[in-house]
Amino acid sequence: MEQRQGIFEGDDPVAIARRWMAEAEATEVNDPNAMQLATVDAQGRPNVRTVLLKEIEQDAFVFYTNYDSVKGEELQSSGYAAFVLHWKTLGRQVRVRGQVTREDGPQADAYYASRALGSRIGAHASLQSQPLDGRATLEERVKNLTDSLGDAPPRPANWGGFRITPFEVELWANGEFRLHDRFRWTRTSGEAPWDAVRLYP
């Protein structure tokens, strides 16, 4: 195996992804942490949507959502997910496949408390993914909950984090004439060492 250098240097793909994210935060105009999250329903049919990655931990990726939403239900049902981060300004991409667990303890409480008040109220008001008969209904729910919950609403029981612990990470960098650089890391378990291989573009 060739020695990886430059932007691909290192044996831990999560650490490299964290480094790339820090670079993207300085170059991307909007939402450098926007990721396209893929799930499957009970029939194995795929779903994808954009969510915001909130933390890259030492060994996992964390985002937050409504547990009763379609994505929340699909994540909890299958226990697996995939996502991609793409940064046009850097010409780089991170693809991840991993196992999903809930983060609904103090870490979720702390992140919820850090959000703007309107977003905290919104987490209570939105019956995410459910049919809505009109915008006015949502706005009325927001108003009523703002009045009843005040300035310190608690985190809703059905709202919190998901942690994706990867078993596969692919890092991609744009190359001239579509001769891109691609490396894929895989491991058999969360405790196992990573095995890296270069892929044809």
Protein backbone atom coordinates (compact mmCIF):
# COMPACT_ATOMS: atom_id res chain seq x y z
CA MET A 1 0.00 0.00 0.00
CA GLU A 2 1.35 3.42 -0.93
CA GLN A 3 2.11 5.96 1.76
CA ARG A 4 -0.71 8.51 1.99
CA GLN A 5 0.43 12.11 2.17
CA GLY A 6 -0.97 15.62 2.04
CA ILE A 7 -4.70 15.89 2.70
CA PHE A 8 -4.98 12.08 3.02
CA GLU A 9 -2.21 11.70 5.58
CA GLY A 10 -3.13 9.64 8.64
CA ASP A 11 -4.50 6.23 9.57
CA ASP A 12 -7.79 7.39 11.10
CA PRO A 13 -10.41 8.47 8.52
CA VAL A 14 -12.61 10.10 11.17
CA ALA A 15 -9.71 12.33 12.24
CA ILE A 16 -9.06 13.23 8.60
CA ALA A 17 -12.76 14.03 8.11
CA ARG A 18 -12.63 16.29 11.18
CA ARG A 19 -9.61 18.08 9.70
CA TRP A 20 -11.37 18.51 6.37
CA MET A 21 -14.47 19.88 8.12
CA ALA A 22 -12.36 22.53 9.82
CA GLU A 23 -11.01 23.58 6.43
CA ALA A 24 -14.52 23.62 4.92
CA GLU A 25 -15.78 25.87 7.70
CA ALA A 26 -13.33 28.49 6.45
CA THR A 27 -14.23 28.18 2.75
CA GLU A 28 -17.89 27.15 2.36
CA VAL A 29 -20.30 30.08 2.33
CA ASN A 30 -23.34 28.19 3.60
CA ASP A 31 -23.67 25.19 5.88
CA PRO A 32 -20.32 23.38 5.54
CA ASN A 33 -21.83 20.75 7.85
CA ALA A 34 -24.76 19.96 5.53
CA MET A 35 -24.83 16.24 4.81
CA GLN A 36 -27.09 14.07 2.70
CA LEU A 37 -28.40 11.33 4.97
CA ALA A 38 -29.65 8.05 3.48
CA THR A 39 -31.93 5.58 5.25
CA VAL A 40 -34.19 2.71 4.20
CA ASP A 41 -37.79 1.99 5.11
CA ALA A 42 -39.25 -1.31 6.27
CA GLN A 43 -39.49 -2.51 2.66
CA GLY A 44 -35.84 -1.66 1.97
CA ARG A 45 -36.71 1.38 -0.16
CA PRO A 46 -34.18 4.22 0.13
CA ASN A 47 -34.78 7.72 1.41
CA VAL A 48 -32.39 10.67 1.40
CA ARG A 49 -32.49 14.21 2.78
CA THR A 50 -30.15 16.96 3.95
CA VAL A 51 -29.44 17.34 7.66
CA LEU A 52 -26.79 19.25 9.61
CA LEU A 53 -23.90 17.37 11.15
CA LYS A 54 -23.30 18.85 14.59
CA GLU A 55 -20.25 17.03 15.88
CA ILE A 56 -17.46 14.76 14.72
CA GLU A 57 -16.45 12.83 17.80
CA GLN A 58 -13.32 10.72 18.14
CA ASP A 59 -15.07 7.77 16.56
CA ALA A 60 -18.52 8.89 15.39
CA PHE A 61 -20.67 11.53 13.70
CA VAL A 62 -23.60 13.15 15.55
CA PHE A 63 -26.70 15.02 14.33
CA TYR A 64 -30.08 15.85 15.87
CA THR A 65 -33.67 15.41 14.76
CA ASN A 66 -37.20 14.40 15.74
CA TYR A 67 -37.27 10.70 16.67
CA ASP A 68 -40.85 10.41 15.39
CA SER A 69 -39.99 11.76 11.92
CA VAL A 70 -39.69 9.43 8.95
CA LYS A 71 -35.90 9.51 9.15
CA GLY A 72 -36.00 8.98 12.91
CA GLU A 73 -38.23 5.94 12.58
CA GLU A 74 -36.16 4.50 9.72
CA LEU A 75 -32.90 5.00 11.60
CA GLN A 76 -34.26 3.28 14.70
CA SER A 77 -35.82 0.46 12.70
CA SER A 78 -32.80 -0.49 10.60
CA GLY A 79 -30.01 0.61 12.92
CA TYR A 80 -27.88 1.73 9.97
CA ALA A 81 -27.38 4.83 7.85
CA ALA A 82 -25.14 6.36 5.22
CA PHE A 83 -24.29 9.97 4.48
CA VAL A 84 -22.15 12.14 2.27
CA LEU A 85 -20.52 15.52 2.87
CA HIS A 86 -19.47 17.41 -0.25
CA TRP A 87 -17.48 20.63 -0.28
CA LYS A 88 -17.39 22.27 -3.69
CA THR A 89 -14.89 24.92 -2.60
CA LEU A 90 -12.41 22.25 -1.53
CA GLY A 91 -13.23 19.70 -4.22
CA ARG A 92 -13.58 17.03 -1.53
CA GLN A 93 -16.15 14.54 -0.33
CA VAL A 94 -16.64 12.25 2.66
CA ARG A 95 -18.86 9.18 2.42
CA VAL A 96 -19.77 7.19 5.52
CA ARG A 97 -21.70 4.01 6.24
CA GLY A 98 -22.28 3.07 9.85
CA GLN A 99 -24.31 1.81 12.74
CA VAL A 100 -26.77 4.16 14.43
CA THR A 101 -27.47 4.70 18.12
CA ARG A 102 -29.51 7.36 19.89
CA GLU A 103 -27.96 10.22 21.83
CA ASP A 104 -30.71 11.28 24.21
CA GLY A 105 -28.80 12.04 27.40
CA PRO A 106 -26.96 15.08 28.78
CA GLN A 107 -25.18 15.70 25.48
CA ALA A 108 -28.52 16.09 23.70
CA ASP A 109 -29.79 18.32 26.50
CA ALA A 110 -26.74 20.57 26.18
CA TYR A 111 -27.04 20.88 22.42
CA TYR A 112 -30.78 21.59 22.65
CA ALA A 113 -30.15 24.32 25.24
CA SER A 114 -27.58 25.94 22.93
CA ARG A 115 -30.11 26.46 20.14
CA ALA A 116 -31.99 29.69 19.51
CA LEU A 117 -35.25 29.93 21.47
CA GLY A 118 -37.30 29.86 18.29
CA SER A 119 -35.64 26.59 17.24
CA ARG A 120 -36.28 25.07 20.66
CA ILE A 121 -39.96 26.02 20.46
CA GLY A 122 -40.04 24.72 16.90
CA ALA A 123 -38.88 21.30 18.07
CA HIS A 124 -42.02 21.16 20.24
CA ALA A 125 -44.33 22.62 17.61
CA SER A 126 -43.43 20.52 14.60
CA LEU A 127 -45.02 17.10 14.23
CA GLN A 128 -42.24 16.39 11.75
CA SER A 129 -43.20 14.43 8.62
CA GLN A 130 -46.92 14.44 9.53
CA PRO A 131 -49.53 16.03 7.22
CA LEU A 132 -50.18 19.74 7.91
CA ASP A 133 -53.42 21.39 6.78
CA GLY A 134 -51.87 24.85 6.42
CA ARG A 135 -49.10 27.20 7.55
CA ALA A 136 -51.50 28.97 9.90
CA THR A 137 -51.90 25.80 11.97
CA LEU A 138 -48.16 25.57 12.51
CA GLU A 139 -47.88 29.25 13.38
CA GLU A 140 -50.71 28.91 15.91
CA ARG A 141 -48.96 25.94 17.52
CA VAL A 142 -45.75 27.97 17.77
CA LYS A 143 -47.58 30.91 19.36
CA ASN A 144 -49.39 28.74 21.90
CA LEU A 145 -46.24 26.85 22.85
CA THR A 146 -44.23 30.06 23.12
CA ASP A 147 -46.80 31.34 25.59
CA SER A 148 -46.97 28.11 27.60
CA LEU A 149 -43.29 27.07 27.61
CA GLY A 150 -41.69 30.45 28.17
CA ASP A 151 -37.98 31.18 27.74
CA ALA A 152 -36.61 27.84 28.91
CA PRO A 153 -38.50 25.01 27.19
CA PRO A 154 -37.24 21.53 28.08
CA ARG A 155 -35.96 19.25 25.37
CA PRO A 156 -38.89 17.26 23.97
CA ALA A 157 -38.72 13.54 24.74
CA ASN A 158 -39.07 12.77 21.03
CA TRP A 159 -36.20 15.04 19.96
CA GLY A 160 -32.51 14.27 20.28
CA GLY A 161 -29.41 12.99 18.62
CA PHE A 162 -28.27 10.10 16.51
CA ARG A 163 -24.70 8.89 16.54
CA ILE A 164 -23.34 7.16 13.44
CA THR A 165 -20.36 4.94 14.24
CA PRO A 166 -18.73 4.13 10.91
CA PHE A 167 -17.63 0.78 9.59
CA GLU A 168 -16.77 2.30 6.20
CA VAL A 169 -15.43 5.74 5.30
CA GLU A 170 -14.48 6.90 1.82
CA LEU A 171 -12.52 10.11 1.29
CA TRP A 172 -12.49 11.65 -2.18
CA ALA A 173 -10.62 14.57 -3.70
CA ASN A 174 -11.24 16.08 -7.10
CA GLY A 175 -8.63 15.41 -9.76
CA GLU A 176 -7.98 16.83 -13.21
CA PHE A 177 -9.72 15.02 -16.09
CA ARG A 178 -11.82 13.15 -13.48
CA LEU A 179 -8.77 11.24 -12.29
CA HIS A 180 -9.85 11.71 -8.70
CA ASP A 181 -8.15 10.41 -5.56
CA ARG A 182 -10.27 7.96 -3.57
CA PHE A 183 -9.39 6.03 -0.44
CA ARG A 184 -11.75 3.68 1.39
CA TRP A 185 -11.29 2.67 5.01
CA THR A 186 -13.16 -0.35 6.41
CA ARG A 187 -13.22 -2.20 9.71
CA THR A 188 -15.07 -5.20 11.07
CA SER A 189 -16.11 -3.59 14.38
CA GLY A 190 -15.84 -0.36 16.31
CA GLU A 191 -12.77 -1.62 18.13
CA ALA A 192 -11.01 -3.11 15.09
CA PRO A 193 -8.23 -1.26 13.27
CA TRP A 194 -8.98 0.48 10.00
CA ASP A 195 -7.91 -1.09 6.71
CA ALA A 196 -7.35 1.44 3.88
CA VAL A 197 -7.25 0.90 0.13
CA ARG A 198 -6.97 3.25 -2.81
CA LEU A 199 -9.82 3.01 -5.34
CA TYR A 200 -9.92 3.73 -9.02
CA PRO A 201 -11.73 7.06 -9.60
